[in-house]
Amino acid sequence: METDPLERIAVALVDEIRARKPASSTPVPLPQNSPDTPSARRTGRKRERRVALYPAHYSLRITDEDRDRFDAYAERHRLAKGELFRRMLDALEAAENGQGK
C-alpha cells in the first residue's frame, strides 16, 4: 500500500531535523575584519557646515491686503520677493535723499 506524498515529506523532514546537531548556546566568534566589530566600524563623513545665503530672518507685521499687493507685484513683474524688497528699500532711500537735499 502506497503512503500519502505529504506524509512522506513530513516523515523526511522529521528525520532531517533529528539528524541535525543540537543547538548550542556558545556564541560564534566574529572575524576580526568584520564591519560589526567596534574597532572597524566606519564613522560617517562629517558634513561641511553650509554658510547661509541669507543669514538673518526678518519678519514684518503687515496687513493681509498689503501682503497680497506685495505678492501680486512680485508675481506680475517676475521678481523674487527678496529682490523686490531690496528695490523698495533702494527707492525709499533715493526718495529720502532727494527730499533732504
PDB file of N, CA and C in Angstrom:
ATOM      1  N   MET A   1       0.839  -1.172   0.000  1.00  0.00           N
ATOM      2  CA  MET A   1       0.000   0.000   0.000  1.00  0.00           C
ATOM      3  C   MET A   1       0.893   1.247   0.000  1.00  0.00           C
ATOM      4  N   GLU A   2       0.527   2.195  -0.829  1.00  0.00           N
ATOM      5  CA  GLU A   2       1.319   3.407  -1.002  1.00  0.00           C
ATOM      6  C   GLU A   2       0.925   4.444   0.046  1.00  0.00           C
ATOM      7  N   THR A   3       1.928   5.185   0.551  1.00  0.00           N
ATOM      8  CA  THR A   3       1.631   6.218   1.553  1.00  0.00           C
ATOM      9  C   THR A   3       1.372   7.551   0.858  1.00  0.00           C
ATOM     10  N   ASP A   4       0.744   8.402   1.592  1.00  0.00           N
ATOM     11  CA  ASP A   4       0.406   9.745   1.099  1.00  0.00           C
ATOM     12  C   ASP A   4       1.694  10.553   0.870  1.00  0.00           C
ATOM     13  N   PRO A   5       1.823  11.307  -0.257  1.00  0.00           N
ATOM     14  CA  PRO A   5       3.046  12.082  -0.506  1.00  0.00           C
ATOM     15  C   PRO A   5       3.332  13.106   0.581  1.00  0.00           C
ATOM     16  N   LEU A   6       2.321  13.736   1.124  1.00  0.00           N
ATOM     17  CA  LEU A   6       2.535  14.709   2.196  1.00  0.00           C
ATOM     18  C   LEU A   6       3.060  14.042   3.457  1.00  0.00           C
ATOM     19  N   GLU A   7       2.586  12.853   3.713  1.00  0.00           N
ATOM     20  CA  GLU A   7       3.051  12.129   4.894  1.00  0.00           C
ATOM     21  C   GLU A   7       4.521  11.734   4.721  1.00  0.00           C
ATOM     22  N   ARG A   8       4.916  11.340   3.485  1.00  0.00           N
ATOM     23  CA  ARG A   8       6.314  11.002   3.225  1.00  0.00           C
ATOM     24  C   ARG A   8       7.212  12.223   3.411  1.00  0.00           C
ATOM     25  N   ILE A   9       6.739  13.389   2.975  1.00  0.00           N
ATOM     26  CA  ILE A   9       7.524  14.621   3.133  1.00  0.00           C
ATOM     27  C   ILE A   9       7.678  14.960   4.613  1.00  0.00           C
ATOM     28  N   ALA A  10       6.586  14.802   5.375  1.00  0.00           N
ATOM     29  CA  ALA A  10       6.623  15.100   6.807  1.00  0.00           C
ATOM     30  C   ALA A  10       7.600  14.174   7.524  1.00  0.00           C
ATOM     31  N   VAL A  11       7.590  12.908   7.170  1.00  0.00           N
ATOM     32  CA  VAL A  11       8.496  11.948   7.807  1.00  0.00           C
ATOM     33  C   VAL A  11       9.940  12.288   7.442  1.00  0.00           C
ATOM     34  N   ALA A  12      10.175  12.664   6.178  1.00  0.00           N
ATOM     35  CA  ALA A  12      11.528  13.009   5.750  1.00  0.00           C
ATOM     36  C   ALA A  12      12.027  14.254   6.485  1.00  0.00           C
ATOM     37  N   LEU A  13      11.163  15.227   6.704  1.00  0.00           N
ATOM     38  CA  LEU A  13      11.554  16.438   7.438  1.00  0.00           C
ATOM     39  C   LEU A  13      11.870  16.126   8.887  1.00  0.00           C
ATOM     40  N   VAL A  14      11.062  15.287   9.495  1.00  0.00           N
ATOM     41  CA  VAL A  14      11.318  14.905  10.892  1.00  0.00           C
ATOM     42  C   VAL A  14      12.661  14.195  10.992  1.00  0.00           C
ATOM     43  N   ASP A  15      12.949  13.290  10.065  1.00  0.00           N
ATOM     44  CA  ASP A  15      14.231  12.583  10.079  1.00  0.00           C
ATOM     45  C   ASP A  15      15.393  13.555   9.892  1.00  0.00           C
ATOM     46  N   GLU A  16      15.230  14.546   9.002  1.00  0.00           N
ATOM     47  CA  GLU A  16      16.299  15.521   8.763  1.00  0.00           C
ATOM     48  C   GLU A  16      16.540  16.388   9.994  1.00  0.00           C
ATOM     49  N   ILE A  17      15.476  16.783  10.655  1.00  0.00           N
ATOM     50  CA  ILE A  17      15.616  17.613  11.855  1.00  0.00           C
ATOM     51  C   ILE A  17      16.311  16.828  12.958  1.00  0.00           C
ATOM     52  N   ARG A  18      15.968  15.557  13.118  1.00  0.00           N
ATOM     53  CA  ARG A  18      16.594  14.742  14.154  1.00  0.00           C
ATOM     54  C   ARG A  18      18.070  14.493  13.857  1.00  0.00           C
ATOM     55  N   ALA A  19      18.458  14.498  12.593  1.00  0.00           N
ATOM     56  CA  ALA A  19      19.837  14.237  12.216  1.00  0.00           C
ATOM     57  C   ALA A  19      20.739  15.449  12.443  1.00  0.00           C
ATOM     58  N   ARG A  20      20.160  16.613  12.594  1.00  0.00           N
ATOM     59  CA  ARG A  20      20.963  17.822  12.807  1.00  0.00           C
ATOM     60  C   ARG A  20      21.611  17.822  14.177  1.00  0.00           C
ATOM     61  N   LYS A  21      22.683  18.593  14.300  1.00  0.00           N
ATOM     62  CA  LYS A  21      23.344  18.750  15.584  1.00  0.00           C
ATOM     63  C   LYS A  21      22.449  19.587  16.493  1.00  0.00           C
ATOM     64  N   PRO A  22      22.493  19.303  17.772  1.00  0.00           N
ATOM     65  CA  PRO A  22      21.691  20.130  18.685  1.00  0.00           C
ATOM     66  C   PRO A  22      22.249  21.548  18.756  1.00  0.00           C
ATOM     67  N   ALA A  23      21.375  22.482  18.996  1.00  0.00           N
ATOM     68  CA  ALA A  23      21.786  23.888  19.086  1.00  0.00           C
ATOM     69  C   ALA A  23      22.642  24.095  20.319  1.00  0.00           C
ATOM     70  N   SER A  24      23.651  24.942  20.190  1.00  0.00           N
ATOM     71  CA  SER A  24      24.495  25.224  21.338  1.00  0.00           C
ATOM     72  C   SER A  24      24.307  26.682  21.731  1.00  0.00           C
ATOM     73  N   SER A  25      24.588  26.983  22.970  1.00  0.00           N
ATOM     74  CA  SER A  25      24.425  28.348  23.463  1.00  0.00           C
ATOM     75  C   SER A  25      25.732  29.127  23.434  1.00  0.00           C
ATOM     76  N   THR A  26      26.795  28.544  22.900  1.00  0.00           N
ATOM     77  CA  THR A  26      28.067  29.263  22.829  1.00  0.00           C
ATOM     78  C   THR A  26      28.028  30.209  21.634  1.00  0.00           C
ATOM     79  N   PRO A  27      28.453  31.450  21.840  1.00  0.00           N
ATOM     80  CA  PRO A  27      28.406  32.403  20.732  1.00  0.00           C
ATOM     81  C   PRO A  27      29.459  32.095  19.682  1.00  0.00           C
ATOM     82  N   VAL A  28      29.142  32.413  18.467  1.00  0.00           N
ATOM     83  CA  VAL A  28      30.065  32.220  17.363  1.00  0.00           C
ATOM     84  C   VAL A  28      30.962  33.451  17.299  1.00  0.00           C
ATOM     85  N   PRO A  29      32.274  33.289  17.316  1.00  0.00           N
ATOM     86  CA  PRO A  29      33.159  34.466  17.270  1.00  0.00           C
ATOM     87  C   PRO A  29      33.104  35.126  15.883  1.00  0.00           C
ATOM     88  N   LEU A  30      33.120  36.446  15.894  1.00  0.00           N
ATOM     89  CA  LEU A  30      33.119  37.205  14.650  1.00  0.00           C
ATOM     90  C   LEU A  30      34.525  37.290  14.101  1.00  0.00           C
ATOM     91  N   PRO A  31      34.667  37.316  12.787  1.00  0.00           N
ATOM     92  CA  PRO A  31      36.006  37.516  12.225  1.00  0.00           C
ATOM     93  C   PRO A  31      36.529  38.910  12.578  1.00  0.00           C
ATOM     94  N   GLN A  32      37.841  39.055  12.608  1.00  0.00           N
ATOM     95  CA  GLN A  32      38.436  40.321  13.026  1.00  0.00           C
ATOM     96  C   GLN A  32      38.195  41.455  12.036  1.00  0.00           C
ATOM     97  N   ASN A  33      38.038  41.164  10.774  1.00  0.00           N
ATOM     98  CA  ASN A  33      37.857  42.229   9.795  1.00  0.00           C
ATOM     99  C   ASN A  33      36.386  42.510   9.502  1.00  0.00           C
ATOM    100  N   SER A  34      35.509  42.036  10.348  1.00  0.00           N
ATOM    101  CA  SER A  34      34.081  42.262  10.154  1.00  0.00           C
ATOM    102  C   SER A  34      33.732  43.719  10.440  1.00  0.00           C
ATOM    103  N   PRO A  35      32.826  44.319   9.659  1.00  0.00           N
ATOM    104  CA  PRO A  35      32.448  45.716   9.926  1.00  0.00           C
ATOM    105  C   PRO A  35      31.645  45.879  11.216  1.00  0.00           C
ATOM    106  N   ASP A  36      31.208  44.746  11.805  1.00  0.00           N
ATOM    107  CA  ASP A  36      30.434  44.837  13.046  1.00  0.00           C
ATOM    108  C   ASP A  36      31.312  44.967  14.278  1.00  0.00           C
ATOM    109  N   THR A  37      32.599  44.709  14.141  1.00  0.00           N
ATOM    110  CA  THR A  37      33.463  44.852  15.304  1.00  0.00           C
ATOM    111  C   THR A  37      33.656  46.334  15.601  1.00  0.00           C
ATOM    112  N   PRO A  38      33.716  46.717  16.870  1.00  0.00           N
ATOM    113  CA  PRO A  38      33.794  48.137  17.219  1.00  0.00           C
ATOM    114  C   PRO A  38      35.000  48.856  16.649  1.00  0.00           C
ATOM    115  N   SER A  39      36.124  48.174  16.523  1.00  0.00           N
ATOM    116  CA  SER A  39      37.315  48.858  16.033  1.00  0.00           C
ATOM    117  C   SER A  39      37.244  49.126  14.533  1.00  0.00           C
ATOM    118  N   ALA A  40      36.437  48.371  13.821  1.00  0.00           N
ATOM    119  CA  ALA A  40      36.387  48.521  12.370  1.00  0.00           C
ATOM    120  C   ALA A  40      35.145  49.275  11.895  1.00  0.00           C
ATOM    121  N   ARG A  41      34.340  49.764  12.813  1.00  0.00           N
ATOM    122  CA  ARG A  41      33.139  50.494  12.402  1.00  0.00           C
ATOM    123  C   ARG A  41      33.509  51.765  11.675  1.00  0.00           C
ATOM    124  N   ARG A  42      32.758  52.027  10.645  1.00  0.00           N
ATOM    125  CA  ARG A  42      33.002  53.260   9.891  1.00  0.00           C
ATOM    126  C   ARG A  42      32.230  54.397  10.528  1.00  0.00           C
ATOM    127  N   THR A  43      32.851  55.511  10.593  1.00  0.00           N
ATOM    128  CA  THR A  43      32.137  56.692  11.047  1.00  0.00           C
ATOM    129  C   THR A  43      31.716  57.469   9.820  1.00  0.00           C
ATOM    130  N   GLY A  44      30.565  58.062   9.877  1.00  0.00           N
ATOM    131  CA  GLY A  44      30.078  58.834   8.745  1.00  0.00           C
ATOM    132  C   GLY A  44      30.957  60.035   8.483  1.00  0.00           C
ATOM    133  N   ARG A  45      31.026  60.396   7.230  1.00  0.00           N
ATOM    134  CA  ARG A  45      31.824  61.565   6.874  1.00  0.00           C
ATOM    135  C   ARG A  45      31.153  62.794   7.465  1.00  0.00           C
ATOM    136  N   LYS A  46      31.919  63.594   8.132  1.00  0.00           N
ATOM    137  CA  LYS A  46      31.371  64.776   8.772  1.00  0.00           C
ATOM    138  C   LYS A  46      30.997  65.791   7.698  1.00  0.00           C
ATOM    139  N   ARG A  47      29.795  66.295   7.803  1.00  0.00           N
ATOM    140  CA  ARG A  47      29.331  67.266   6.817  1.00  0.00           C
ATOM    141  C   ARG A  47      29.994  68.608   7.022  1.00  0.00           C
ATOM    142  N   GLU A  48      30.244  69.253   5.908  1.00  0.00           N
ATOM    143  CA  GLU A  48      30.775  70.605   5.989  1.00  0.00           C
ATOM    144  C   GLU A  48      29.626  71.542   6.338  1.00  0.00           C
ATOM    145  N   ARG A  49      29.922  72.504   7.149  1.00  0.00           N
ATOM    146  CA  ARG A  49      28.884  73.448   7.542  1.00  0.00           C
ATOM    147  C   ARG A  49      28.585  74.375   6.376  1.00  0.00           C
ATOM    148  N   ARG A  50      27.299  74.493   6.060  1.00  0.00           N
ATOM    149  CA  ARG A  50      26.912  75.351   4.953  1.00  0.00           C
ATOM    150  C   ARG A  50      26.721  76.766   5.461  1.00  0.00           C
ATOM    151  N   VAL A  51      27.191  77.695   4.678  1.00  0.00           N
ATOM    152  CA  VAL A  51      27.030  79.100   5.020  1.00  0.00           C
ATOM    153  C   VAL A  51      25.692  79.544   4.448  1.00  0.00           C
ATOM    154  N   ALA A  52      24.893  80.179   5.267  1.00  0.00           N
ATOM    155  CA  ALA A  52      23.571  80.603   4.828  1.00  0.00           C
ATOM    156  C   ALA A  52      23.693  81.747   3.837  1.00  0.00           C
ATOM    157  N   LEU A  53      22.873  81.669   2.803  1.00  0.00           N
ATOM    158  CA  LEU A  53      22.863  82.731   1.812  1.00  0.00           C
ATOM    159  C   LEU A  53      22.234  83.991   2.411  1.00  0.00           C
ATOM    160  N   TYR A  54      21.185  83.803   3.174  1.00  0.00           N
ATOM    161  CA  TYR A  54      20.523  84.906   3.872  1.00  0.00           C
ATOM    162  C   TYR A  54      20.615  84.592   5.367  1.00  0.00           C
ATOM    163  N   PRO A  55      21.613  85.113   6.049  1.00  0.00           N
ATOM    164  CA  PRO A  55      21.886  84.665   7.408  1.00  0.00           C
ATOM    165  C   PRO A  55      20.850  85.062   8.456  1.00  0.00           C
ATOM    166  N   ALA A  56      20.088  86.095   8.238  1.00  0.00           N
ATOM    167  CA  ALA A  56      19.144  86.517   9.266  1.00  0.00           C
ATOM    168  C   ALA A  56      17.727  86.509   8.694  1.00  0.00           C
ATOM    169  N   HIS A  57      16.791  86.120   9.521  1.00  0.00           N
ATOM    170  CA  HIS A  57      15.386  86.151   9.113  1.00  0.00           C
ATOM    171  C   HIS A  57      14.791  87.478   9.571  1.00  0.00           C
ATOM    172  N   TYR A  58      13.929  87.992   8.772  1.00  0.00           N
ATOM    173  CA  TYR A  58      13.332  89.278   9.086  1.00  0.00           C
ATOM    174  C   TYR A  58      11.836  89.136   8.908  1.00  0.00           C
ATOM    175  N   SER A  59      11.085  89.487   9.906  1.00  0.00           N
ATOM    176  CA  SER A  59       9.637  89.382   9.774  1.00  0.00           C
ATOM    177  C   SER A  59       9.011  90.758   9.974  1.00  0.00           C
ATOM    178  N   LEU A  60       8.013  91.007   9.178  1.00  0.00           N
ATOM    179  CA  LEU A  60       7.284  92.275   9.246  1.00  0.00           C
ATOM    180  C   LEU A  60       5.831  91.982   9.561  1.00  0.00           C
ATOM    181  N   ARG A  61       5.243  92.848  10.342  1.00  0.00           N
ATOM    182  CA  ARG A  61       3.812  92.722  10.596  1.00  0.00           C
ATOM    183  C   ARG A  61       3.090  93.651   9.633  1.00  0.00           C
ATOM    184  N   ILE A  62       2.421  93.040   8.664  1.00  0.00           N
ATOM    185  CA  ILE A  62       1.676  93.823   7.685  1.00  0.00           C
ATOM    186  C   ILE A  62       0.287  93.231   7.557  1.00  0.00           C
ATOM    187  N   THR A  63      -0.599  94.019   6.988  1.00  0.00           N
ATOM    188  CA  THR A  63      -1.972  93.539   6.813  1.00  0.00           C
ATOM    189  C   THR A  63      -2.012  92.521   5.677  1.00  0.00           C
ATOM    190  N   ASP A  64      -3.064  91.747   5.654  1.00  0.00           N
ATOM    191  CA  ASP A  64      -3.224  90.756   4.600  1.00  0.00           C
ATOM    192  C   ASP A  64      -3.325  91.410   3.224  1.00  0.00           C
ATOM    193  N   GLU A  65      -3.983  92.570   3.177  1.00  0.00           N
ATOM    194  CA  GLU A  65      -4.139  93.269   1.896  1.00  0.00           C
ATOM    195  C   GLU A  65      -2.771  93.719   1.364  1.00  0.00           C
ATOM    196  N   ASP A  66      -1.927  94.265   2.256  1.00  0.00           N
ATOM    197  CA  ASP A  66      -0.604  94.705   1.823  1.00  0.00           C
ATOM    198  C   ASP A  66       0.275  93.517   1.404  1.00  0.00           C
ATOM    199  N   ARG A  67       0.141  92.407   2.106  1.00  0.00           N
ATOM    200  CA  ARG A  67       0.901  91.206   1.733  1.00  0.00           C
ATOM    201  C   ARG A  67       0.453  90.726   0.354  1.00  0.00           C
ATOM    202  N   ASP A  68      -0.863  90.742   0.115  1.00  0.00           N
ATOM    203  CA  ASP A  68      -1.373  90.331  -1.190  1.00  0.00           C
ATOM    204  C   ASP A  68      -0.884  91.267  -2.292  1.00  0.00           C
ATOM    205  N   ARG A  69      -0.868  92.561  -2.021  1.00  0.00           N
ATOM    206  CA  ARG A  69      -0.361  93.522  -3.010  1.00  0.00           C
ATOM    207  C   ARG A  69       1.113  93.266  -3.312  1.00  0.00           C
ATOM    208  N   PHE A  70       1.895  93.026  -2.270  1.00  0.00           N
ATOM    209  CA  PHE A  70       3.321  92.764  -2.430  1.00  0.00           C
ATOM    210  C   PHE A  70       3.540  91.498  -3.269  1.00  0.00           C
ATOM    211  N   ASP A  71       2.820  90.418  -2.916  1.00  0.00           N
ATOM    212  CA  ASP A  71       2.953  89.164  -3.646  1.00  0.00           C
ATOM    213  C   ASP A  71       2.512  89.316  -5.098  1.00  0.00           C
ATOM    214  N   ALA A  72       1.425  90.047  -5.324  1.00  0.00           N
ATOM    215  CA  ALA A  72       0.928  90.252  -6.688  1.00  0.00           C
ATOM    216  C   ALA A  72       1.932  91.050  -7.514  1.00  0.00           C
ATOM    217  N   TYR A  73       2.544  92.072  -6.908  1.00  0.00           N
ATOM    218  CA  TYR A  73       3.544  92.872  -7.627  1.00  0.00           C
ATOM    219  C   TYR A  73       4.753  92.009  -7.986  1.00  0.00           C
ATOM    220  N   ALA A  74       5.204  91.205  -7.037  1.00  0.00           N
ATOM    221  CA  ALA A  74       6.359  90.341  -7.293  1.00  0.00           C
ATOM    222  C   ALA A  74       6.047  89.337  -8.400  1.00  0.00           C
ATOM    223  N   GLU A  75       4.850  88.790  -8.381  1.00  0.00           N
ATOM    224  CA  GLU A  75       4.474  87.828  -9.407  1.00  0.00           C
ATOM    225  C   GLU A  75       4.291  88.504 -10.766  1.00  0.00           C
ATOM    226  N   ARG A  76       3.673  89.661 -10.769  1.00  0.00           N
ATOM    227  CA  ARG A  76       3.414  90.387 -12.014  1.00  0.00           C
ATOM    228  C   ARG A  76       4.715  90.776 -12.716  1.00  0.00           C
ATOM    229  N   HIS A  77       5.716  91.179 -11.945  1.00  0.00           N
ATOM    230  CA  HIS A  77       6.989  91.601 -12.523  1.00  0.00           C
ATOM    231  C   HIS A  77       8.042  90.492 -12.509  1.00  0.00           C
ATOM    232  N   ARG A  78       7.624  89.310 -12.106  1.00  0.00           N
ATOM    233  CA  ARG A  78       8.501  88.126 -12.056  1.00  0.00           C
ATOM    234  C   ARG A  78       9.785  88.405 -11.283  1.00  0.00           C
ATOM    235  N   LEU A  79       9.608  88.905 -10.077  1.00  0.00           N
ATOM    236  CA  LEU A  79      10.742  89.191  -9.195  1.00  0.00           C
ATOM    237  C   LEU A  79      10.655  88.290  -7.974  1.00  0.00           C
ATOM    238  N   ALA A  80      11.825  87.935  -7.468  1.00  0.00           N
ATOM    239  CA  ALA A  80      11.852  87.241  -6.183  1.00  0.00           C
ATOM    240  C   ALA A  80      11.468  88.252  -5.105  1.00  0.00           C
ATOM    241  N   LYS A  81      10.861  87.775  -4.051  1.00  0.00           N
ATOM    242  CA  LYS A  81      10.397  88.692  -3.006  1.00  0.00           C
ATOM    243  C   LYS A  81      11.558  89.439  -2.351  1.00  0.00           C
ATOM    244  N   GLY A  82      12.694  88.769  -2.202  1.00  0.00           N
ATOM    245  CA  GLY A  82      13.865  89.437  -1.639  1.00  0.00           C
ATOM    246  C   GLY A  82      14.363  90.554  -2.540  1.00  0.00           C
ATOM    247  N   GLU A  83      14.357  90.306  -3.847  1.00  0.00           N
ATOM    248  CA  GLU A  83      14.771  91.329  -4.809  1.00  0.00           C
ATOM    249  C   GLU A  83      13.802  92.506  -4.797  1.00  0.00           C
ATOM    250  N   LEU A  84      12.514  92.213  -4.734  1.00  0.00           N
ATOM    251  CA  LEU A  84      11.523  93.289  -4.685  1.00  0.00           C
ATOM    252  C   LEU A  84      11.680  94.122  -3.413  1.00  0.00           C
ATOM    253  N   PHE A  85      11.938  93.472  -2.303  1.00  0.00           N
ATOM    254  CA  PHE A  85      12.117  94.189  -1.046  1.00  0.00           C
ATOM    255  C   PHE A  85      13.353  95.097  -1.123  1.00  0.00           C
ATOM    256  N   ARG A  86      14.434  94.572  -1.725  1.00  0.00           N
ATOM    257  CA  ARG A  86      15.644  95.385  -1.889  1.00  0.00           C
ATOM    258  C   ARG A  86      15.368  96.600  -2.761  1.00  0.00           C
ATOM    259  N   ARG A  87      14.617  96.405  -3.835  1.00  0.00           N
ATOM    260  CA  ARG A  87      14.288  97.535  -4.715  1.00  0.00           C
ATOM    261  C   ARG A  87      13.416  98.564  -4.001  1.00  0.00           C
ATOM    262  N   MET A  88      12.497  98.090  -3.174  1.00  0.00           N
ATOM    263  CA  MET A  88      11.657  99.032  -2.410  1.00  0.00           C
ATOM    264  C   MET A  88      12.516  99.871  -1.471  1.00  0.00           C
ATOM    265  N   LEU A  89      13.465  99.228  -0.787  1.00  0.00           N
ATOM    266  CA  LEU A  89      14.339  99.968   0.121  1.00  0.00           C
ATOM    267  C   LEU A  89      15.210 100.961  -0.638  1.00  0.00           C
ATOM    268  N   ASP A  90      15.719 100.546  -1.804  1.00  0.00           N
ATOM    269  CA  ASP A  90      16.518 101.465  -2.621  1.00  0.00           C
ATOM    270  C   ASP A  90      15.685 102.673  -3.056  1.00  0.00           C
ATOM    271  N   ALA A  91      14.438 102.446  -3.458  1.00  0.00           N
ATOM    272  CA  ALA A  91      13.568 103.543  -3.883  1.00  0.00           C
ATOM    273  C   ALA A  91      13.257 104.478  -2.717  1.00  0.00           C
ATOM    274  N   LEU A  92      13.029 103.902  -1.537  1.00  0.00           N
ATOM    275  CA  LEU A  92      12.761 104.740  -0.363  1.00  0.00           C
ATOM    276  C   LEU A  92      13.973 105.590   0.007  1.00  0.00           C
ATOM    277  N   GLU A  93      15.153 104.994  -0.044  1.00  0.00           N
ATOM    278  CA  GLU A  93      16.373 105.762   0.264  1.00  0.00           C
ATOM    279  C   GLU A  93      16.620 106.851  -0.766  1.00  0.00           C
ATOM    280  N   ALA A  94      16.344 106.550  -2.046  1.00  0.00           N
ATOM    281  CA  ALA A  94      16.518 107.548  -3.089  1.00  0.00           C
ATOM    282  C   ALA A  94      15.535 108.706  -2.893  1.00  0.00           C
ATOM    283  N   ALA A  95      14.307 108.380  -2.521  1.00  0.00           N
ATOM    284  CA  ALA A  95      13.310 109.433  -2.281  1.00  0.00           C
ATOM    285  C   ALA A  95      13.697 110.246  -1.059  1.00  0.00           C
ATOM    286  N   GLU A  96      14.202 109.596  -0.043  1.00  0.00           N
ATOM    287  CA  GLU A  96      14.620 110.281   1.181  1.00  0.00           C
ATOM    288  C   GLU A  96      15.798 111.212   0.887  1.00  0.00           C
ATOM    289  N   ASN A  97      16.774 110.745   0.111  1.00  0.00           N
ATOM    290  CA  ASN A  97      17.930 111.572  -0.230  1.00  0.00           C
ATOM    291  C   ASN A  97      17.541 112.746  -1.143  1.00  0.00           C
ATOM    292  N   GLY A  98      16.561 112.528  -1.986  1.00  0.00           N
ATOM    293  CA  GLY A  98      16.092 113.593  -2.878  1.00  0.00           C
ATOM    294  C   GLY A  98      15.371 114.704  -2.115  1.00  0.00           C
ATOM    295  N   GLN A  99      14.658 114.365  -1.075  1.00  0.00           N
ATOM    296  CA  GLN A  99      13.922 115.344  -0.277  1.00  0.00           C
ATOM    297  C   GLN A  99      14.849 116.077   0.665  1.00  0.00           C
ATOM    298  N   GLY A 100      15.882 115.418   1.136  1.00  0.00           N
ATOM    299  CA  GLY A 100      16.798 116.007   2.097  1.00  0.00           C
ATOM    300  C   GLY A 100      17.708 117.053   1.490  1.00  0.00           C
ATOM    301  N   LYS A 101      17.887 117.052   0.195  1.00  0.00           N
ATOM    302  CA  LYS A 101      18.827 117.995  -0.447  1.00  0.00           C
ATOM    303  C   LYS A 101      18.170 119.265  -0.808  1.00  0.00           C
TER     304      LYS A 101
END
